Amino acid sequence: MNHSIKLFFVALSLIFALTAKAEEVNSIEVEVNGLVCAFCAQGITSAFSKEPQTQEVLVSLEHRLVAIELKPGTDMSDDRVTEVLVDAGYDVVGMKRTQRSVAMIRETMDTNTSSHHHE
């Protein structure tokens, strides 16, 4: 009986570990050329907000960055991200996937911008 209880807890901890893994943040950070105004940012935000996988969008004109945080358990192909941006009139320079949330990305940018102004 003791052995089956241990086995149960091992199985339970595995399930929790897998569930936690599946709920990690999944974001796509894209370096983009052609971002020049707030209207550009609104258009990109609107375009990605129509995608069912999108949780949140961040557009930084200063950093030439578009960050798309995906809903848990979803994905968006690099081709689809590129297609949305090219259709909106922008050039994709680079793309990377990250586990940072949009809030974390925004915070990093704010910190870098603040420290940059104090130099």
N, C-alpha and C. Protein backbone atom coordinates (compact mmCIF):
# COMPACT_ATOMS: atom_id res chain seq x y z
N MET A 1 0.82 -1.19 0.00
CA MET A 1 0.00 0.00 0.00
C MET A 1 0.87 1.26 0.00
N ASN A 2 1.91 1.26 0.80
CA ASN A 2 2.81 2.40 0.87
C ASN A 2 3.43 2.71 -0.49
N HIS A 3 3.78 1.67 -1.23
CA HIS A 3 4.38 1.82 -2.55
C HIS A 3 3.41 2.49 -3.52
N SER A 4 2.14 2.13 -3.49
CA SER A 4 1.16 2.72 -4.41
C SER A 4 0.90 4.19 -4.07
N ILE A 5 0.99 4.56 -2.80
CA ILE A 5 0.80 5.96 -2.42
C ILE A 5 1.97 6.79 -2.96
N LYS A 6 3.20 6.26 -2.83
CA LYS A 6 4.36 6.96 -3.38
C LYS A 6 4.22 7.13 -4.89
N LEU A 7 3.78 6.07 -5.56
CA LEU A 7 3.60 6.10 -7.01
C LEU A 7 2.56 7.15 -7.39
N PHE A 8 1.48 7.23 -6.60
CA PHE A 8 0.44 8.21 -6.84
C PHE A 8 1.01 9.64 -6.75
N PHE A 9 1.80 9.92 -5.73
CA PHE A 9 2.36 11.26 -5.56
C PHE A 9 3.39 11.58 -6.65
N VAL A 10 4.14 10.59 -7.08
CA VAL A 10 5.09 10.82 -8.18
C VAL A 10 4.31 11.18 -9.45
N ALA A 11 3.25 10.43 -9.72
CA ALA A 11 2.42 10.70 -10.90
C ALA A 11 1.77 12.08 -10.80
N LEU A 12 1.31 12.42 -9.62
CA LEU A 12 0.66 13.71 -9.39
C LEU A 12 1.65 14.85 -9.61
N SER A 13 2.86 14.71 -9.11
CA SER A 13 3.85 15.77 -9.28
C SER A 13 4.25 15.90 -10.76
N LEU A 14 4.28 14.80 -11.49
CA LEU A 14 4.56 14.86 -12.92
C LEU A 14 3.46 15.62 -13.65
N ILE A 15 2.22 15.36 -13.28
CA ILE A 15 1.09 16.06 -13.90
C ILE A 15 1.20 17.56 -13.63
N PHE A 16 1.51 17.94 -12.39
CA PHE A 16 1.67 19.36 -12.07
C PHE A 16 2.82 19.98 -12.85
N ALA A 17 3.91 19.25 -12.97
CA ALA A 17 5.07 19.76 -13.71
C ALA A 17 4.71 19.98 -15.17
N LEU A 18 4.00 19.04 -15.78
CA LEU A 18 3.61 19.17 -17.18
C LEU A 18 2.61 20.31 -17.36
N THR A 19 1.68 20.44 -16.44
CA THR A 19 0.69 21.51 -16.51
C THR A 19 1.38 22.87 -16.39
N ALA A 20 2.30 23.00 -15.46
CA ALA A 20 3.03 24.25 -15.27
C ALA A 20 3.82 24.58 -16.53
N LYS A 21 4.43 23.59 -17.13
CA LYS A 21 5.20 23.78 -18.34
C LYS A 21 4.32 24.31 -19.46
N ALA A 22 3.12 23.74 -19.61
CA ALA A 22 2.22 24.12 -20.69
C ALA A 22 1.71 25.55 -20.52
N GLU A 23 1.75 26.08 -19.29
CA GLU A 23 1.21 27.40 -19.06
C GLU A 23 2.28 28.49 -19.01
N GLU A 24 3.50 28.16 -19.41
CA GLU A 24 4.55 29.18 -19.46
C GLU A 24 4.18 30.21 -20.52
N VAL A 25 4.65 31.41 -20.31
CA VAL A 25 4.39 32.48 -21.26
C VAL A 25 5.13 32.20 -22.55
N ASN A 26 4.48 32.48 -23.66
CA ASN A 26 5.07 32.28 -24.97
C ASN A 26 4.87 33.56 -25.76
N SER A 27 5.96 34.27 -26.03
CA SER A 27 5.87 35.52 -26.76
C SER A 27 6.78 35.48 -27.98
N ILE A 28 6.46 36.33 -28.94
CA ILE A 28 7.28 36.48 -30.14
C ILE A 28 7.71 37.93 -30.20
N GLU A 29 9.02 38.15 -30.27
CA GLU A 29 9.55 39.51 -30.39
C GLU A 29 10.06 39.68 -31.81
N VAL A 30 9.58 40.73 -32.48
CA VAL A 30 9.91 40.95 -33.88
C VAL A 30 10.53 42.33 -34.05
N GLU A 31 11.71 42.36 -34.66
CA GLU A 31 12.33 43.64 -35.01
C GLU A 31 11.80 44.04 -36.37
N VAL A 32 11.30 45.28 -36.45
CA VAL A 32 10.58 45.72 -37.65
C VAL A 32 11.12 47.05 -38.13
N ASN A 33 11.26 47.19 -39.45
CA ASN A 33 11.59 48.48 -40.06
C ASN A 33 10.30 49.12 -40.57
N GLY A 34 10.23 50.44 -40.49
CA GLY A 34 9.08 51.16 -41.03
C GLY A 34 8.13 51.69 -39.97
N LEU A 35 8.44 51.45 -38.70
CA LEU A 35 7.60 51.97 -37.62
C LEU A 35 7.96 53.44 -37.40
N VAL A 36 7.04 54.34 -37.72
CA VAL A 36 7.38 55.76 -37.60
C VAL A 36 6.39 56.59 -36.79
N CYS A 37 5.19 56.07 -36.55
CA CYS A 37 4.21 56.92 -35.86
C CYS A 37 3.25 56.09 -35.01
N ALA A 38 2.50 56.78 -34.17
CA ALA A 38 1.53 56.12 -33.30
C ALA A 38 0.45 55.42 -34.12
N PHE A 39 0.14 55.96 -35.29
CA PHE A 39 -0.86 55.33 -36.15
C PHE A 39 -0.37 53.95 -36.60
N CYS A 40 0.94 53.85 -36.88
CA CYS A 40 1.54 52.55 -37.23
C CYS A 40 1.32 51.55 -36.09
N ALA A 41 1.60 52.00 -34.89
CA ALA A 41 1.47 51.13 -33.72
C ALA A 41 0.03 50.66 -33.54
N GLN A 42 -0.92 51.56 -33.73
CA GLN A 42 -2.33 51.19 -33.60
C GLN A 42 -2.73 50.16 -34.64
N GLY A 43 -2.26 50.34 -35.87
CA GLY A 43 -2.60 49.40 -36.95
C GLY A 43 -2.06 48.00 -36.68
N ILE A 44 -0.83 47.92 -36.20
CA ILE A 44 -0.22 46.62 -35.89
C ILE A 44 -0.94 45.97 -34.72
N THR A 45 -1.21 46.75 -33.69
CA THR A 45 -1.92 46.22 -32.52
C THR A 45 -3.28 45.67 -32.94
N SER A 46 -3.98 46.41 -33.78
CA SER A 46 -5.29 45.99 -34.27
C SER A 46 -5.19 44.70 -35.09
N ALA A 47 -4.19 44.63 -35.97
CA ALA A 47 -4.03 43.46 -36.84
C ALA A 47 -3.77 42.20 -36.01
N PHE A 48 -2.88 42.29 -35.03
CA PHE A 48 -2.58 41.11 -34.22
C PHE A 48 -3.69 40.78 -33.24
N SER A 49 -4.45 41.78 -32.80
CA SER A 49 -5.55 41.53 -31.88
C SER A 49 -6.65 40.70 -32.53
N LYS A 50 -6.71 40.72 -33.86
CA LYS A 50 -7.71 39.92 -34.59
C LYS A 50 -7.32 38.44 -34.65
N GLU A 51 -6.04 38.15 -34.38
CA GLU A 51 -5.58 36.76 -34.40
C GLU A 51 -6.04 36.07 -33.12
N PRO A 52 -6.69 34.90 -33.21
CA PRO A 52 -7.24 34.26 -32.02
C PRO A 52 -6.20 33.85 -30.97
N GLN A 53 -4.94 33.70 -31.36
CA GLN A 53 -3.90 33.27 -30.42
C GLN A 53 -3.36 34.42 -29.57
N THR A 54 -3.65 35.65 -29.96
CA THR A 54 -3.05 36.82 -29.32
C THR A 54 -3.64 37.11 -27.95
N GLN A 55 -2.74 37.21 -26.97
CA GLN A 55 -3.11 37.61 -25.61
C GLN A 55 -2.93 39.13 -25.46
N GLU A 56 -1.75 39.61 -25.89
CA GLU A 56 -1.43 41.03 -25.76
C GLU A 56 -0.40 41.42 -26.80
N VAL A 57 -0.42 42.68 -27.23
CA VAL A 57 0.53 43.18 -28.23
C VAL A 57 1.21 44.44 -27.69
N LEU A 58 2.50 44.53 -27.94
CA LEU A 58 3.26 45.72 -27.58
C LEU A 58 3.98 46.18 -28.84
N VAL A 59 3.86 47.46 -29.17
CA VAL A 59 4.58 48.04 -30.30
C VAL A 59 5.42 49.19 -29.76
N SER A 60 6.72 49.12 -29.97
CA SER A 60 7.63 50.18 -29.53
C SER A 60 8.27 50.81 -30.75
N LEU A 61 7.89 52.07 -31.03
CA LEU A 61 8.48 52.79 -32.15
C LEU A 61 9.97 53.02 -31.90
N GLU A 62 10.29 53.40 -30.66
CA GLU A 62 11.67 53.71 -30.28
C GLU A 62 12.61 52.51 -30.46
N HIS A 63 12.11 51.32 -30.12
CA HIS A 63 12.94 50.12 -30.20
C HIS A 63 12.72 49.32 -31.49
N ARG A 64 11.84 49.82 -32.36
CA ARG A 64 11.48 49.11 -33.61
C ARG A 64 11.10 47.66 -33.31
N LEU A 65 10.25 47.50 -32.30
CA LEU A 65 9.91 46.17 -31.81
C LEU A 65 8.40 45.96 -31.75
N VAL A 66 7.99 44.79 -32.19
CA VAL A 66 6.62 44.34 -32.00
C VAL A 66 6.71 43.06 -31.18
N ALA A 67 6.01 43.03 -30.05
CA ALA A 67 6.00 41.82 -29.21
C ALA A 67 4.56 41.32 -29.14
N ILE A 68 4.39 40.04 -29.42
CA ILE A 68 3.08 39.41 -29.38
C ILE A 68 3.12 38.34 -28.31
N GLU A 69 2.33 38.52 -27.26
CA GLU A 69 2.21 37.49 -26.23
C GLU A 69 1.04 36.60 -26.62
N LEU A 70 1.30 35.30 -26.69
CA LEU A 70 0.28 34.35 -27.11
C LEU A 70 -0.51 33.80 -25.93
N LYS A 71 -1.75 33.44 -26.19
CA LYS A 71 -2.57 32.83 -25.15
C LYS A 71 -1.96 31.48 -24.79
N PRO A 72 -2.09 31.05 -23.53
CA PRO A 72 -1.53 29.76 -23.11
C PRO A 72 -2.01 28.62 -24.00
N GLY A 73 -1.07 27.77 -24.38
CA GLY A 73 -1.40 26.59 -25.17
C GLY A 73 -1.60 26.86 -26.65
N THR A 74 -1.34 28.10 -27.10
CA THR A 74 -1.49 28.40 -28.53
C THR A 74 -0.15 28.74 -29.13
N ASP A 75 -0.11 28.81 -30.45
CA ASP A 75 1.11 29.18 -31.15
C ASP A 75 0.72 29.95 -32.41
N MET A 76 1.65 30.70 -32.94
CA MET A 76 1.48 31.41 -34.20
C MET A 76 2.78 31.20 -34.97
N SER A 77 2.66 30.76 -36.21
CA SER A 77 3.87 30.46 -36.98
C SER A 77 4.62 31.75 -37.33
N ASP A 78 5.93 31.60 -37.54
CA ASP A 78 6.75 32.73 -37.97
C ASP A 78 6.21 33.30 -39.28
N ASP A 79 5.76 32.40 -40.16
CA ASP A 79 5.20 32.84 -41.45
C ASP A 79 3.98 33.72 -41.26
N ARG A 80 3.11 33.35 -40.30
CA ARG A 80 1.90 34.14 -40.06
C ARG A 80 2.25 35.51 -39.47
N VAL A 81 3.19 35.55 -38.55
CA VAL A 81 3.63 36.81 -37.96
C VAL A 81 4.17 37.72 -39.06
N THR A 82 5.03 37.16 -39.91
CA THR A 82 5.62 37.91 -41.02
C THR A 82 4.53 38.41 -41.97
N GLU A 83 3.58 37.53 -42.29
CA GLU A 83 2.50 37.88 -43.21
C GLU A 83 1.68 39.07 -42.68
N VAL A 84 1.32 39.04 -41.40
CA VAL A 84 0.54 40.13 -40.81
C VAL A 84 1.32 41.45 -40.91
N LEU A 85 2.61 41.41 -40.61
CA LEU A 85 3.42 42.63 -40.63
C LEU A 85 3.67 43.13 -42.06
N VAL A 86 3.96 42.23 -42.98
CA VAL A 86 4.19 42.62 -44.38
C VAL A 86 2.91 43.17 -44.99
N ASP A 87 1.77 42.52 -44.70
CA ASP A 87 0.48 43.02 -45.20
C ASP A 87 0.18 44.41 -44.67
N ALA A 88 0.69 44.72 -43.47
CA ALA A 88 0.48 46.04 -42.87
C ALA A 88 1.51 47.05 -43.39
N GLY A 89 2.48 46.59 -44.19
CA GLY A 89 3.44 47.50 -44.82
C GLY A 89 4.79 47.63 -44.15
N TYR A 90 5.17 46.62 -43.38
CA TYR A 90 6.44 46.70 -42.64
C TYR A 90 7.39 45.59 -43.06
N ASP A 91 8.69 45.82 -42.84
CA ASP A 91 9.72 44.83 -43.13
C ASP A 91 10.15 44.16 -41.83
N VAL A 92 10.12 42.83 -41.82
CA VAL A 92 10.59 42.07 -40.66
C VAL A 92 12.10 41.91 -40.77
N VAL A 93 12.82 42.37 -39.75
CA VAL A 93 14.28 42.31 -39.74
C VAL A 93 14.75 41.07 -38.99
N GLY A 94 14.08 40.75 -37.89
CA GLY A 94 14.46 39.60 -37.08
C GLY A 94 13.30 39.19 -36.19
N MET A 95 13.34 37.93 -35.76
CA MET A 95 12.26 37.41 -34.93
C MET A 95 12.83 36.40 -33.96
N LYS A 96 12.36 36.47 -32.70
CA LYS A 96 12.77 35.46 -31.74
C LYS A 96 11.60 35.14 -30.82
N ARG A 97 11.61 33.93 -30.34
CA ARG A 97 10.58 33.48 -29.40
C ARG A 97 11.16 33.55 -28.00
N THR A 98 10.32 33.93 -27.05
CA THR A 98 10.79 34.12 -25.70
C THR A 98 9.70 33.71 -24.71
N GLN A 99 10.08 33.51 -23.48
CA GLN A 99 9.10 33.20 -22.44
C GLN A 99 8.82 34.43 -21.59
N ARG A 100 9.28 35.60 -22.06
CA ARG A 100 8.99 36.84 -21.35
C ARG A 100 7.59 37.32 -21.75
N SER A 101 6.84 37.79 -20.77
CA SER A 101 5.53 38.36 -21.06
C SER A 101 5.71 39.75 -21.66
N VAL A 102 4.65 40.27 -22.27
CA VAL A 102 4.69 41.63 -22.80
C VAL A 102 5.00 42.61 -21.66
N ALA A 103 4.44 42.37 -20.49
CA ALA A 103 4.71 43.24 -19.34
C ALA A 103 6.20 43.25 -19.00
N MET A 104 6.84 42.09 -19.04
CA MET A 104 8.27 42.00 -18.75
C MET A 104 9.09 42.72 -19.83
N ILE A 105 8.69 42.56 -21.07
CA ILE A 105 9.39 43.22 -22.18
C ILE A 105 9.27 44.73 -22.03
N ARG A 106 8.06 45.20 -21.74
CA ARG A 106 7.82 46.64 -21.54
C ARG A 106 8.66 47.18 -20.39
N GLU A 107 8.72 46.42 -19.31
CA GLU A 107 9.49 46.84 -18.13
C GLU A 107 10.98 46.95 -18.47
N THR A 108 11.50 46.00 -19.22
CA THR A 108 12.90 46.03 -19.64
C THR A 108 13.17 47.26 -20.50
N MET A 109 12.25 47.56 -21.42
CA MET A 109 12.42 48.74 -22.28
C MET A 109 12.38 50.02 -21.46
N ASP A 110 11.46 50.11 -20.50
CA ASP A 110 11.36 51.29 -19.65
C ASP A 110 12.63 51.49 -18.84
N THR A 111 13.17 50.39 -18.32
CA THR A 111 14.40 50.45 -17.53
C THR A 111 15.57 50.90 -18.40
N ASN A 112 15.67 50.32 -19.60
CA ASN A 112 16.77 50.69 -20.50
C ASN A 112 16.65 52.14 -20.95
N THR A 113 15.45 52.58 -21.21
CA THR A 113 15.22 53.96 -21.64
C THR A 113 15.56 54.92 -20.51
N SER A 114 15.13 54.59 -19.29
CA SER A 114 15.40 55.45 -18.13
C SER A 114 16.88 55.57 -17.88
N SER A 115 17.59 54.46 -17.88
CA SER A 115 19.02 54.49 -17.59
C SER A 115 19.78 55.19 -18.73
N HIS A 116 19.25 55.10 -19.93
CA HIS A 116 19.89 55.73 -21.08
C HIS A 116 19.83 57.26 -20.95
N HIS A 117 18.72 57.79 -20.44
CA HIS A 117 18.56 59.22 -20.31
C HIS A 117 19.43 59.81 -19.19
N HIS A 118 19.86 58.98 -18.27
CA HIS A 118 20.64 59.46 -17.13
C HIS A 118 22.14 59.46 -17.41
N GLU A 119 22.56 58.98 -18.55
CA GLU A 119 24.00 58.89 -18.85
C GLU A 119 24.58 60.25 -19.16
